[in-house]
Amino acid sequence: MTDAEKLEILRTMLDTGDETTDAVANAYLAAAKQAVINLAFPFGNGSEEMPSKYDYEQIEIALYMLNRRGSEGETAHVEGGTSRTFEVADIPISLRCRITAYAGGF
């Protein structure tokens, strides 16, 4: 999947009233790509490419990060009877567990 296709899917998944620019969305896609690489290659040397089988995980992680803008690091919030709690302060475990770490020999 190309970066343009990923951007289009991400833009479609965002709230229709969202004013996110393509530059911001691309920045979050890049951050999500690096997060996937770090999870898939925990002992890598930095030259690894993201496996294409994790394209949708990249998009979902970017969407998660975009939706959390302004509330980074928040683990609980109660206001007017509404309560918000995040799974973790980072990428949720439900997304992390879908990325399998590659292992190699010594």
N, C-alpha and C. Protein backbone atom coordinates (compact mmCIF):
# COMPACT_ATOMS: atom_id res chain seq x y z
N MET A 1 0.84 -1.16 0.00
CA MET A 1 0.00 0.00 0.00
C MET A 1 0.90 1.24 0.00
N THR A 2 0.57 2.20 -0.82
CA THR A 2 1.38 3.41 -0.91
C THR A 2 1.07 4.36 0.25
N ASP A 3 1.96 5.32 0.45
CA ASP A 3 1.73 6.32 1.49
C ASP A 3 0.49 7.15 1.19
N ALA A 4 0.24 7.43 -0.07
CA ALA A 4 -0.95 8.19 -0.46
C ALA A 4 -2.22 7.42 -0.13
N GLU A 5 -2.21 6.11 -0.36
CA GLU A 5 -3.37 5.28 -0.03
C GLU A 5 -3.60 5.24 1.47
N LYS A 6 -2.51 5.14 2.24
CA LYS A 6 -2.63 5.15 3.71
C LYS A 6 -3.21 6.48 4.18
N LEU A 7 -2.73 7.58 3.60
CA LEU A 7 -3.24 8.89 3.96
C LEU A 7 -4.73 9.00 3.66
N GLU A 8 -5.15 8.51 2.52
CA GLU A 8 -6.56 8.55 2.14
C GLU A 8 -7.42 7.75 3.12
N ILE A 9 -6.96 6.57 3.51
CA ILE A 9 -7.71 5.76 4.47
C ILE A 9 -7.78 6.47 5.81
N LEU A 10 -6.65 7.04 6.26
CA LEU A 10 -6.63 7.75 7.53
C LEU A 10 -7.57 8.95 7.49
N ARG A 11 -7.56 9.71 6.42
CA ARG A 11 -8.45 10.88 6.29
C ARG A 11 -9.91 10.44 6.33
N THR A 12 -10.22 9.30 5.74
CA THR A 12 -11.59 8.79 5.73
C THR A 12 -12.02 8.37 7.14
N MET A 13 -11.07 7.80 7.90
CA MET A 13 -11.38 7.33 9.25
C MET A 13 -11.51 8.47 10.26
N LEU A 14 -10.90 9.62 9.98
CA LEU A 14 -10.98 10.76 10.89
C LEU A 14 -12.39 11.32 10.90
N ASP A 15 -12.73 11.95 11.99
CA ASP A 15 -14.03 12.60 12.11
C ASP A 15 -14.19 13.59 10.96
N THR A 16 -15.36 13.65 10.37
CA THR A 16 -15.58 14.50 9.20
C THR A 16 -15.36 15.99 9.49
N GLY A 17 -15.51 16.41 10.75
CA GLY A 17 -15.30 17.81 11.10
C GLY A 17 -13.86 18.11 11.47
N ASP A 18 -12.99 17.15 11.37
CA ASP A 18 -11.59 17.32 11.77
C ASP A 18 -10.87 18.21 10.77
N GLU A 19 -10.10 19.15 11.27
CA GLU A 19 -9.37 20.09 10.44
C GLU A 19 -7.91 19.68 10.22
N THR A 20 -7.59 18.43 10.43
CA THR A 20 -6.22 17.95 10.30
C THR A 20 -5.72 18.11 8.87
N THR A 21 -4.55 18.71 8.74
CA THR A 21 -3.97 18.89 7.42
C THR A 21 -3.27 17.60 6.99
N ASP A 22 -2.99 17.50 5.71
CA ASP A 22 -2.26 16.34 5.20
C ASP A 22 -0.87 16.24 5.82
N ALA A 23 -0.25 17.40 6.06
CA ALA A 23 1.09 17.39 6.66
C ALA A 23 1.05 16.80 8.07
N VAL A 24 0.04 17.17 8.85
CA VAL A 24 -0.10 16.62 10.21
C VAL A 24 -0.41 15.13 10.14
N ALA A 25 -1.32 14.74 9.27
CA ALA A 25 -1.68 13.32 9.13
C ALA A 25 -0.46 12.50 8.69
N ASN A 26 0.33 13.04 7.75
CA ASN A 26 1.54 12.34 7.31
C ASN A 26 2.56 12.23 8.44
N ALA A 27 2.65 13.25 9.29
CA ALA A 27 3.57 13.19 10.43
C ALA A 27 3.16 12.07 11.39
N TYR A 28 1.87 11.93 11.63
CA TYR A 28 1.40 10.86 12.51
C TYR A 28 1.59 9.49 11.86
N LEU A 29 1.41 9.40 10.55
CA LEU A 29 1.67 8.14 9.85
C LEU A 29 3.15 7.77 9.96
N ALA A 30 4.03 8.74 9.87
CA ALA A 30 5.46 8.48 10.00
C ALA A 30 5.81 8.01 11.42
N ALA A 31 5.20 8.67 12.41
CA ALA A 31 5.44 8.25 13.80
C ALA A 31 4.91 6.85 14.05
N ALA A 32 3.75 6.54 13.49
CA ALA A 32 3.17 5.20 13.64
C ALA A 32 4.02 4.16 12.93
N LYS A 33 4.58 4.52 11.78
CA LYS A 33 5.45 3.59 11.05
C LYS A 33 6.68 3.26 11.90
N GLN A 34 7.27 4.27 12.53
CA GLN A 34 8.44 4.04 13.37
C GLN A 34 8.06 3.19 14.58
N ALA A 35 6.87 3.40 15.13
CA ALA A 35 6.41 2.60 16.26
C ALA A 35 6.26 1.13 15.86
N VAL A 36 5.72 0.88 14.67
CA VAL A 36 5.57 -0.49 14.18
C VAL A 36 6.94 -1.13 13.98
N ILE A 37 7.87 -0.39 13.38
CA ILE A 37 9.23 -0.92 13.17
C ILE A 37 9.87 -1.25 14.51
N ASN A 38 9.72 -0.37 15.50
CA ASN A 38 10.31 -0.62 16.82
C ASN A 38 9.71 -1.85 17.49
N LEU A 39 8.42 -2.07 17.29
CA LEU A 39 7.77 -3.24 17.87
C LEU A 39 8.15 -4.52 17.12
N ALA A 40 8.24 -4.43 15.80
CA ALA A 40 8.54 -5.61 14.98
C ALA A 40 10.02 -6.01 15.05
N PHE A 41 10.89 -5.04 15.26
CA PHE A 41 12.33 -5.30 15.29
C PHE A 41 12.94 -4.69 16.56
N PRO A 42 12.62 -5.26 17.74
CA PRO A 42 13.09 -4.64 18.99
C PRO A 42 14.61 -4.61 19.13
N PHE A 43 15.30 -5.48 18.42
CA PHE A 43 16.76 -5.52 18.50
C PHE A 43 17.39 -5.12 17.16
N GLY A 44 16.65 -4.35 16.38
CA GLY A 44 17.12 -3.95 15.06
C GLY A 44 18.22 -2.91 15.13
N ASN A 45 18.80 -2.67 13.96
CA ASN A 45 19.90 -1.69 13.89
C ASN A 45 19.46 -0.37 13.26
N GLY A 46 18.18 -0.21 12.99
CA GLY A 46 17.68 1.04 12.42
C GLY A 46 17.54 1.04 10.92
N SER A 47 17.97 -0.02 10.25
CA SER A 47 17.88 -0.06 8.80
C SER A 47 16.68 -0.88 8.30
N GLU A 48 15.85 -1.36 9.23
CA GLU A 48 14.72 -2.21 8.86
C GLU A 48 13.60 -1.40 8.20
N GLU A 49 12.89 -2.05 7.31
CA GLU A 49 11.71 -1.47 6.67
C GLU A 49 10.48 -2.09 7.31
N MET A 50 9.40 -1.33 7.36
CA MET A 50 8.16 -1.85 7.94
C MET A 50 7.56 -2.90 7.01
N PRO A 51 7.26 -4.09 7.54
CA PRO A 51 6.61 -5.11 6.71
C PRO A 51 5.23 -4.62 6.25
N SER A 52 4.91 -4.85 4.99
CA SER A 52 3.64 -4.35 4.45
C SER A 52 2.43 -4.99 5.11
N LYS A 53 2.60 -6.13 5.75
CA LYS A 53 1.46 -6.77 6.41
C LYS A 53 0.96 -5.94 7.59
N TYR A 54 1.75 -4.94 8.03
CA TYR A 54 1.35 -4.10 9.14
C TYR A 54 0.86 -2.72 8.69
N ASP A 55 0.50 -2.57 7.42
CA ASP A 55 0.01 -1.29 6.91
C ASP A 55 -1.22 -0.80 7.68
N TYR A 56 -2.18 -1.69 7.91
CA TYR A 56 -3.40 -1.27 8.60
C TYR A 56 -3.13 -0.98 10.08
N GLU A 57 -2.19 -1.70 10.69
CA GLU A 57 -1.83 -1.39 12.07
C GLU A 57 -1.20 0.00 12.14
N GLN A 58 -0.39 0.35 11.13
CA GLN A 58 0.20 1.68 11.07
C GLN A 58 -0.90 2.74 11.02
N ILE A 59 -1.89 2.53 10.18
CA ILE A 59 -2.99 3.48 10.05
C ILE A 59 -3.77 3.58 11.36
N GLU A 60 -4.06 2.45 11.99
CA GLU A 60 -4.82 2.45 13.23
C GLU A 60 -4.05 3.12 14.36
N ILE A 61 -2.75 2.92 14.42
CA ILE A 61 -1.94 3.57 15.44
C ILE A 61 -1.91 5.08 15.20
N ALA A 62 -1.78 5.49 13.94
CA ALA A 62 -1.80 6.93 13.61
C ALA A 62 -3.15 7.53 14.00
N LEU A 63 -4.23 6.84 13.71
CA LEU A 63 -5.57 7.32 14.06
C LEU A 63 -5.71 7.44 15.57
N TYR A 64 -5.21 6.45 16.30
CA TYR A 64 -5.26 6.48 17.76
C TYR A 64 -4.51 7.70 18.29
N MET A 65 -3.31 7.93 17.76
CA MET A 65 -2.50 9.07 18.21
C MET A 65 -3.17 10.40 17.86
N LEU A 66 -3.75 10.49 16.67
CA LEU A 66 -4.45 11.72 16.26
C LEU A 66 -5.64 12.01 17.17
N ASN A 67 -6.39 10.98 17.50
CA ASN A 67 -7.57 11.15 18.34
C ASN A 67 -7.21 11.51 19.78
N ARG A 68 -5.99 11.24 20.19
CA ARG A 68 -5.56 11.54 21.55
C ARG A 68 -4.85 12.89 21.66
N ARG A 69 -4.75 13.62 20.58
CA ARG A 69 -4.09 14.94 20.64
C ARG A 69 -4.74 15.79 21.70
N GLY A 70 -3.90 16.42 22.51
CA GLY A 70 -4.40 17.28 23.57
C GLY A 70 -4.63 16.55 24.89
N SER A 71 -4.59 15.23 24.86
CA SER A 71 -4.78 14.48 26.10
C SER A 71 -3.67 13.45 26.28
N GLU A 72 -2.51 13.74 25.71
CA GLU A 72 -1.39 12.82 25.81
C GLU A 72 -1.03 12.56 27.26
N GLY A 73 -0.77 11.29 27.59
CA GLY A 73 -0.35 10.92 28.92
C GLY A 73 -1.48 10.82 29.93
N GLU A 74 -2.68 11.15 29.54
CA GLU A 74 -3.82 11.11 30.46
C GLU A 74 -4.24 9.66 30.71
N THR A 75 -4.37 9.30 31.97
CA THR A 75 -4.80 7.94 32.29
C THR A 75 -6.20 7.91 32.88
N ALA A 76 -6.73 9.05 33.32
CA ALA A 76 -8.10 9.12 33.81
C ALA A 76 -8.58 10.55 33.72
N HIS A 77 -9.87 10.72 33.47
CA HIS A 77 -10.45 12.06 33.36
C HIS A 77 -11.95 11.94 33.62
N VAL A 78 -12.45 12.75 34.54
CA VAL A 78 -13.88 12.78 34.82
C VAL A 78 -14.35 14.22 34.73
N GLU A 79 -15.38 14.44 33.93
CA GLU A 79 -15.92 15.78 33.77
C GLU A 79 -17.39 15.69 33.43
N GLY A 80 -18.23 16.31 34.23
CA GLY A 80 -19.66 16.33 33.95
C GLY A 80 -20.29 14.96 33.84
N GLY A 81 -19.82 14.04 34.63
CA GLY A 81 -20.37 12.69 34.61
C GLY A 81 -19.78 11.80 33.53
N THR A 82 -18.90 12.32 32.71
CA THR A 82 -18.24 11.53 31.67
C THR A 82 -16.85 11.16 32.15
N SER A 83 -16.50 9.90 32.02
CA SER A 83 -15.20 9.42 32.48
C SER A 83 -14.41 8.87 31.30
N ARG A 84 -13.14 9.28 31.20
CA ARG A 84 -12.25 8.77 30.15
C ARG A 84 -11.03 8.16 30.81
N THR A 85 -10.67 6.96 30.40
CA THR A 85 -9.46 6.31 30.87
C THR A 85 -8.83 5.62 29.67
N PHE A 86 -7.54 5.81 29.50
CA PHE A 86 -6.85 5.18 28.38
C PHE A 86 -6.22 3.87 28.83
N GLU A 87 -6.13 2.95 27.88
CA GLU A 87 -5.59 1.63 28.16
C GLU A 87 -4.17 1.73 28.73
N VAL A 88 -3.33 2.48 28.09
CA VAL A 88 -1.98 2.78 28.55
C VAL A 88 -1.64 4.18 28.07
N ALA A 89 -0.55 4.73 28.55
CA ALA A 89 -0.17 6.08 28.14
C ALA A 89 0.46 6.08 26.75
N ASP A 90 0.72 4.92 26.21
CA ASP A 90 1.36 4.78 24.90
C ASP A 90 0.36 4.11 23.96
N ILE A 91 0.84 3.39 22.99
CA ILE A 91 0.00 2.64 22.06
C ILE A 91 -0.71 1.54 22.85
N PRO A 92 -2.01 1.39 22.70
CA PRO A 92 -2.74 0.38 23.47
C PRO A 92 -2.24 -1.04 23.22
N ILE A 93 -2.36 -1.84 24.24
CA ILE A 93 -1.93 -3.25 24.15
C ILE A 93 -2.71 -3.97 23.06
N SER A 94 -3.98 -3.60 22.87
CA SER A 94 -4.80 -4.25 21.84
C SER A 94 -4.23 -4.05 20.44
N LEU A 95 -3.49 -2.96 20.20
CA LEU A 95 -2.82 -2.75 18.91
C LEU A 95 -1.42 -3.35 18.91
N ARG A 96 -0.72 -3.22 20.04
CA ARG A 96 0.65 -3.75 20.13
C ARG A 96 0.70 -5.26 19.92
N CYS A 97 -0.29 -5.96 20.46
CA CYS A 97 -0.25 -7.44 20.40
C CYS A 97 -0.47 -7.97 18.99
N ARG A 98 -0.88 -7.13 18.06
CA ARG A 98 -1.08 -7.56 16.67
C ARG A 98 0.22 -7.51 15.87
N ILE A 99 1.29 -7.00 16.48
CA ILE A 99 2.59 -6.90 15.79
C ILE A 99 3.54 -7.90 16.44
N THR A 100 4.01 -8.84 15.66
CA THR A 100 4.89 -9.89 16.15
C THR A 100 6.34 -9.48 15.95
N ALA A 101 7.10 -9.58 17.03
CA ALA A 101 8.53 -9.23 16.96
C ALA A 101 9.28 -10.29 16.17
N TYR A 102 10.17 -9.84 15.30
CA TYR A 102 11.04 -10.75 14.55
C TYR A 102 12.22 -11.13 15.41
N ALA A 103 12.61 -12.37 15.33
CA ALA A 103 13.77 -12.83 16.10
C ALA A 103 14.83 -13.35 15.14
N GLY A 104 16.05 -13.25 15.54
CA GLY A 104 17.14 -13.72 14.70
C GLY A 104 18.17 -14.43 15.56
N GLY A 105 19.14 -14.98 14.94
CA GLY A 105 20.19 -15.69 15.66
C GLY A 105 21.37 -14.78 15.95
N PHE A 106 22.23 -15.23 16.80
CA PHE A 106 23.43 -14.46 17.15
C PHE A 106 24.60 -14.92 16.34
